Amino acid sequence: MQCVLDCYDVIVSIYEVLKSNELREKYNNVLEFGLPDWRQPIFYYRKMRKLAWYEAVIVLIAVSTIAHYLMMWAAYYEKYLVLKQSLKKSRKREKKGETEGNITQLHEALEVFRPRFRDLLPFLMAKGSWNLLKFAIFTAQEQLKRKEPEEEVSPLLYTFLAFRYIYD
C-alpha cells in the first residue's frame, strides 16, 4: 500500500510540473543542460535575493564601520606595544623596576589614541559632509563678494591725480 502512495505522489508531482509553464521550462532546462552543480558560485547567486541600491549602501556602510572600528583598535594596540617596549628599554637603561609612574604615563599617552564612537566612519562622514557644506557656503559668499561691482573712479580723477603727482 505504501508503494502505491509513493507512486501516486510521484505522478502528482510530475503532473504539476507538466501543467505549469514556468515549471515546464525549468524541467526542459534541466533535461537539456543537467542539474546545476552546487559547488559553483553561480548556484548560490541565483538563490540570493537581489538588494536594492539603498540596502546595498546600508550593508556596505555597516561592514565598513565594523572594519574601521577593528582597524582603530589594531592601531591602538600597536601603539600600546610600541610605547610599552620603549618604556621597557628606558627602564633597563635606568636599571629601575616597574614603577607606578611609568604605568600612568603609558595610560595617559595612549588615551589620545583610544578609539571612540565619535571617531567611527558614519560620524566622520556626517561631520565631513557638514564641513563640506559650510565650506561651500563660505566659498559661494566669497565669490559673491568678489563679483559685486566696485565703484569706478572717473578718468578725470586719475588725470587730476596724475597732474598733481607730476607737478608736486
C-alpha atoms as a PDB file:
ATOM      1  CA  MET A   1       0.000   0.000   0.000  1.00  0.00           C
ATOM      2  CA  GLN A   2       2.894   2.366   0.816  1.00  0.00           C
ATOM      3  CA  CYS A   3       4.390   1.806  -2.626  1.00  0.00           C
ATOM      4  CA  VAL A   4       1.115   2.819  -4.256  1.00  0.00           C
ATOM      5  CA  LEU A   5       1.011   6.067  -2.239  1.00  0.00           C
ATOM      6  CA  ASP A   6       4.632   6.865  -3.125  1.00  0.00           C
ATOM      7  CA  CYS A   7       3.949   6.225  -6.805  1.00  0.00           C
ATOM      8  CA  TYR A   8       0.841   8.411  -6.630  1.00  0.00           C
ATOM      9  CA  ASP A   9       2.881  11.271  -5.071  1.00  0.00           C
ATOM     10  CA  VAL A  10       5.446  10.999  -7.866  1.00  0.00           C
ATOM     11  CA  ILE A  11       2.734  11.039 -10.547  1.00  0.00           C
ATOM     12  CA  VAL A  12       1.061  14.086  -8.942  1.00  0.00           C
ATOM     13  CA  SER A  13       4.354  15.983  -8.822  1.00  0.00           C
ATOM     14  CA  ILE A  14       5.034  15.119 -12.478  1.00  0.00           C
ATOM     15  CA  TYR A  15       1.548  16.318 -13.396  1.00  0.00           C
ATOM     16  CA  GLU A  16       2.131  19.624 -11.532  1.00  0.00           C
ATOM     17  CA  VAL A  17       5.436  20.168 -13.332  1.00  0.00           C
ATOM     18  CA  LEU A  18       3.955  19.462 -16.747  1.00  0.00           C
ATOM     19  CA  LYS A  19       0.861  21.579 -16.071  1.00  0.00           C
ATOM     20  CA  SER A  20       2.734  24.790 -15.127  1.00  0.00           C
ATOM     21  CA  ASN A  21       4.514  26.604 -17.971  1.00  0.00           C
ATOM     22  CA  GLU A  22       7.198  28.026 -15.678  1.00  0.00           C
ATOM     23  CA  LEU A  23       7.996  24.671 -14.073  1.00  0.00           C
ATOM     24  CA  ARG A  24       7.878  23.013 -17.514  1.00  0.00           C
ATOM     25  CA  GLU A  25      10.549  25.454 -18.784  1.00  0.00           C
ATOM     26  CA  LYS A  26      12.764  24.699 -15.774  1.00  0.00           C
ATOM     27  CA  TYR A  27      12.247  20.967 -16.345  1.00  0.00           C
ATOM     28  CA  ASN A  28      13.223  21.298 -20.017  1.00  0.00           C
ATOM     29  CA  ASN A  29      16.276  23.328 -18.979  1.00  0.00           C
ATOM     30  CA  VAL A  30      17.338  20.551 -16.574  1.00  0.00           C
ATOM     31  CA  LEU A  31      16.805  17.938 -19.301  1.00  0.00           C
ATOM     32  CA  GLU A  32      18.898  19.929 -21.749  1.00  0.00           C
ATOM     33  CA  PHE A  33      21.743  21.212 -19.509  1.00  0.00           C
ATOM     34  CA  GLY A  34      21.574  18.943 -16.460  1.00  0.00           C
ATOM     35  CA  LEU A  35      21.256  19.844 -12.793  1.00  0.00           C
ATOM     36  CA  PRO A  36      23.358  22.800 -11.574  1.00  0.00           C
ATOM     37  CA  ASP A  37      26.487  21.967  -9.628  1.00  0.00           C
ATOM     38  CA  TRP A  38      26.100  23.152  -6.036  1.00  0.00           C
ATOM     39  CA  ARG A  39      29.854  23.775  -5.791  1.00  0.00           C
ATOM     40  CA  GLN A  40      29.710  26.572  -8.340  1.00  0.00           C
ATOM     41  CA  PRO A  41      29.243  30.142  -7.015  1.00  0.00           C
ATOM     42  CA  ILE A  42      26.575  30.894  -9.613  1.00  0.00           C
ATOM     43  CA  PHE A  43      24.338  28.306  -7.950  1.00  0.00           C
ATOM     44  CA  TYR A  44      24.207  30.421  -4.798  1.00  0.00           C
ATOM     45  CA  TYR A  45      23.956  33.687  -6.699  1.00  0.00           C
ATOM     46  CA  ARG A  46      20.694  32.536  -8.209  1.00  0.00           C
ATOM     47  CA  LYS A  47      19.340  31.691  -4.766  1.00  0.00           C
ATOM     48  CA  MET A  48      20.263  35.006  -3.160  1.00  0.00           C
ATOM     49  CA  ARG A  49      17.810  37.892  -3.032  1.00  0.00           C
ATOM     50  CA  LYS A  50      18.902  40.897  -5.026  1.00  0.00           C
ATOM     51  CA  LEU A  51      19.442  44.016  -2.922  1.00  0.00           C
ATOM     52  CA  ALA A  52      18.155  47.461  -3.765  1.00  0.00           C
ATOM     53  CA  TRP A  53      20.780  50.188  -4.049  1.00  0.00           C
ATOM     54  CA  TYR A  54      19.933  51.712  -0.668  1.00  0.00           C
ATOM     55  CA  GLU A  55      20.092  48.301   1.028  1.00  0.00           C
ATOM     56  CA  ALA A  56      23.483  47.684  -0.552  1.00  0.00           C
ATOM     57  CA  VAL A  57      24.707  51.092   0.665  1.00  0.00           C
ATOM     58  CA  ILE A  58      23.492  50.350   4.205  1.00  0.00           C
ATOM     59  CA  VAL A  59      25.214  46.952   4.206  1.00  0.00           C
ATOM     60  CA  LEU A  60      28.401  48.490   2.793  1.00  0.00           C
ATOM     61  CA  ILE A  61      28.428  51.240   5.436  1.00  0.00           C
ATOM     62  CA  ALA A  62      27.787  48.704   8.214  1.00  0.00           C
ATOM     63  CA  VAL A  63      30.616  46.435   7.071  1.00  0.00           C
ATOM     64  CA  SER A  64      32.943  49.412   6.558  1.00  0.00           C
ATOM     65  CA  THR A  65      32.126  50.747  10.024  1.00  0.00           C
ATOM     66  CA  ILE A  66      32.917  47.427  11.669  1.00  0.00           C
ATOM     67  CA  ALA A  67      36.167  47.117   9.703  1.00  0.00           C
ATOM     68  CA  HIS A  68      37.089  50.728  10.549  1.00  0.00           C
ATOM     69  CA  TYR A  69      36.432  50.151  14.262  1.00  0.00           C
ATOM     70  CA  LEU A  70      38.576  47.000  14.277  1.00  0.00           C
ATOM     71  CA  MET A  71      41.383  48.828  12.458  1.00  0.00           C
ATOM     72  CA  MET A  72      41.269  51.642  15.028  1.00  0.00           C
ATOM     73  CA  TRP A  73      41.683  49.079  17.820  1.00  0.00           C
ATOM     74  CA  ALA A  74      44.536  47.421  15.917  1.00  0.00           C
ATOM     75  CA  ALA A  75      46.310  50.781  15.594  1.00  0.00           C
ATOM     76  CA  TYR A  76      45.723  51.436  19.299  1.00  0.00           C
ATOM     77  CA  TYR A  77      47.159  48.040  20.228  1.00  0.00           C
ATOM     78  CA  GLU A  78      50.187  48.625  18.000  1.00  0.00           C
ATOM     79  CA  LYS A  79      50.875  51.983  19.669  1.00  0.00           C
ATOM     80  CA  TYR A  80      50.438  50.291  23.059  1.00  0.00           C
ATOM     81  CA  LEU A  81      53.079  47.694  22.207  1.00  0.00           C
ATOM     82  CA  VAL A  82      55.499  50.313  20.865  1.00  0.00           C
ATOM     83  CA  LEU A  83      55.152  52.519  23.952  1.00  0.00           C
ATOM     84  CA  LYS A  84      55.414  49.548  26.278  1.00  0.00           C
ATOM     85  CA  GLN A  85      58.596  48.400  24.531  1.00  0.00           C
ATOM     86  CA  SER A  86      60.129  51.880  24.657  1.00  0.00           C
ATOM     87  CA  LEU A  87      59.314  52.167  28.370  1.00  0.00           C
ATOM     88  CA  LYS A  88      60.843  48.742  28.948  1.00  0.00           C
ATOM     89  CA  LYS A  89      64.063  49.825  27.186  1.00  0.00           C
ATOM     90  CA  SER A  90      64.232  53.046  29.168  1.00  0.00           C
ATOM     91  CA  ARG A  91      63.734  51.103  32.428  1.00  0.00           C
ATOM     92  CA  LYS A  92      66.580  48.757  31.502  1.00  0.00           C
ATOM     93  CA  ARG A  93      68.827  51.730  30.870  1.00  0.00           C
ATOM     94  CA  GLU A  94      67.913  53.282  34.189  1.00  0.00           C
ATOM     95  CA  LYS A  95      68.109  49.909  35.986  1.00  0.00           C
ATOM     96  CA  LYS A  96      64.807  50.508  37.741  1.00  0.00           C
ATOM     97  CA  GLY A  97      61.885  48.254  38.430  1.00  0.00           C
ATOM     98  CA  GLU A  98      58.387  48.876  37.141  1.00  0.00           C
ATOM     99  CA  THR A  99      57.004  51.958  38.834  1.00  0.00           C
ATOM    100  CA  GLU A 100      53.515  53.382  39.083  1.00  0.00           C
ATOM    101  CA  GLY A 101      54.654  56.485  37.223  1.00  0.00           C
ATOM    102  CA  ASN A 102      55.572  54.518  34.124  1.00  0.00           C
ATOM    103  CA  ILE A 103      52.194  52.772  34.042  1.00  0.00           C
ATOM    104  CA  THR A 104      50.258  56.019  34.427  1.00  0.00           C
ATOM    105  CA  GLN A 105      52.499  57.630  31.818  1.00  0.00           C
ATOM    106  CA  LEU A 106      51.694  54.774  29.425  1.00  0.00           C
ATOM    107  CA  HIS A 107      47.951  55.083  30.019  1.00  0.00           C
ATOM    108  CA  GLU A 108      47.994  58.865  29.614  1.00  0.00           C
ATOM    109  CA  ALA A 109      49.946  58.619  26.367  1.00  0.00           C
ATOM    110  CA  LEU A 110      47.576  56.001  24.993  1.00  0.00           C
ATOM    111  CA  GLU A 111      44.393  57.834  25.990  1.00  0.00           C
ATOM    112  CA  VAL A 112      44.807  60.107  22.966  1.00  0.00           C
ATOM    113  CA  PHE A 113      44.820  57.146  20.583  1.00  0.00           C
ATOM    114  CA  ARG A 114      41.996  55.165  22.231  1.00  0.00           C
ATOM    115  CA  PRO A 115      39.153  54.532  19.725  1.00  0.00           C
ATOM    116  CA  ARG A 116      35.913  56.355  20.465  1.00  0.00           C
ATOM    117  CA  PHE A 117      32.478  56.015  18.943  1.00  0.00           C
ATOM    118  CA  ARG A 118      32.608  59.588  17.664  1.00  0.00           C
ATOM    119  CA  ASP A 119      35.575  58.516  15.514  1.00  0.00           C
ATOM    120  CA  LEU A 120      33.540  55.852  13.707  1.00  0.00           C
ATOM    121  CA  LEU A 121      33.005  56.081   9.974  1.00  0.00           C
ATOM    122  CA  PRO A 122      29.336  57.240   9.926  1.00  0.00           C
ATOM    123  CA  PHE A 123      30.109  60.056  12.365  1.00  0.00           C
ATOM    124  CA  LEU A 124      33.174  61.076  10.368  1.00  0.00           C
ATOM    125  CA  MET A 125      31.118  61.020   7.161  1.00  0.00           C
ATOM    126  CA  ALA A 126      28.411  63.197   8.746  1.00  0.00           C
ATOM    127  CA  LYS A 127      30.979  65.622  10.163  1.00  0.00           C
ATOM    128  CA  GLY A 128      32.814  65.759   6.830  1.00  0.00           C
ATOM    129  CA  SER A 129      29.574  66.392   4.932  1.00  0.00           C
ATOM    130  CA  TRP A 130      28.655  69.185   7.327  1.00  0.00           C
ATOM    131  CA  ASN A 131      32.104  70.783   6.991  1.00  0.00           C
ATOM    132  CA  LEU A 132      31.924  70.461   3.202  1.00  0.00           C
ATOM    133  CA  LEU A 133      28.534  72.196   3.197  1.00  0.00           C
ATOM    134  CA  LYS A 134      29.849  75.017   5.404  1.00  0.00           C
ATOM    135  CA  PHE A 135      32.908  75.398   3.165  1.00  0.00           C
ATOM    136  CA  ALA A 136      30.735  75.503   0.032  1.00  0.00           C
ATOM    137  CA  ILE A 137      28.520  78.208   1.555  1.00  0.00           C
ATOM    138  CA  PHE A 138      31.568  80.202   2.661  1.00  0.00           C
ATOM    139  CA  THR A 139      33.164  79.916  -0.784  1.00  0.00           C
ATOM    140  CA  ALA A 140      29.942  80.971  -2.514  1.00  0.00           C
ATOM    141  CA  GLN A 141      29.678  84.022  -0.251  1.00  0.00           C
ATOM    142  CA  GLU A 142      33.284  84.955  -1.002  1.00  0.00           C
ATOM    143  CA  GLN A 143      32.659  84.646  -4.738  1.00  0.00           C
ATOM    144  CA  LEU A 144      29.565  86.846  -4.483  1.00  0.00           C
ATOM    145  CA  LYS A 145      31.544  89.488  -2.591  1.00  0.00           C
ATOM    146  CA  ARG A 146      34.217  89.497  -5.292  1.00  0.00           C
ATOM    147  CA  LYS A 147      31.694  89.822  -8.097  1.00  0.00           C
ATOM    148  CA  GLU A 148      29.984  92.878  -6.597  1.00  0.00           C
ATOM    149  CA  PRO A 149      30.877  95.790  -8.819  1.00  0.00           C
ATOM    150  CA  GLU A 150      33.177  98.271  -7.246  1.00  0.00           C
ATOM    151  CA  GLU A 151      32.561 101.931  -7.798  1.00  0.00           C
ATOM    152  CA  GLU A 152      34.614 103.044 -10.724  1.00  0.00           C
ATOM    153  CA  VAL A 153      36.750 106.100 -10.322  1.00  0.00           C
ATOM    154  CA  SER A 154      36.236 108.628 -13.073  1.00  0.00           C
ATOM    155  CA  PRO A 155      39.077 109.156 -15.528  1.00  0.00           C
ATOM    156  CA  LEU A 156      39.118 112.865 -14.618  1.00  0.00           C
ATOM    157  CA  LEU A 157      40.113 111.977 -11.085  1.00  0.00           C
ATOM    158  CA  TYR A 158      43.004 109.869 -12.397  1.00  0.00           C
ATOM    159  CA  THR A 159      44.070 112.761 -14.614  1.00  0.00           C
ATOM    160  CA  PHE A 160      43.910 115.179 -11.706  1.00  0.00           C
ATOM    161  CA  LEU A 161      45.962 112.852  -9.509  1.00  0.00           C
ATOM    162  CA  ALA A 162      48.499 112.324 -12.289  1.00  0.00           C
ATOM    163  CA  PHE A 163      48.976 116.066 -12.824  1.00  0.00           C
ATOM    164  CA  ARG A 164      49.231 116.651  -9.108  1.00  0.00           C
ATOM    165  CA  TYR A 165      51.924 113.941  -8.863  1.00  0.00           C
ATOM    166  CA  ILE A 166      53.831 115.385 -11.808  1.00  0.00           C
ATOM    167  CA  TYR A 167      53.794 118.967 -10.568  1.00  0.00           C
ATOM    168  CA  ASP A 168      54.477 118.261  -6.928  1.00  0.00           C
END
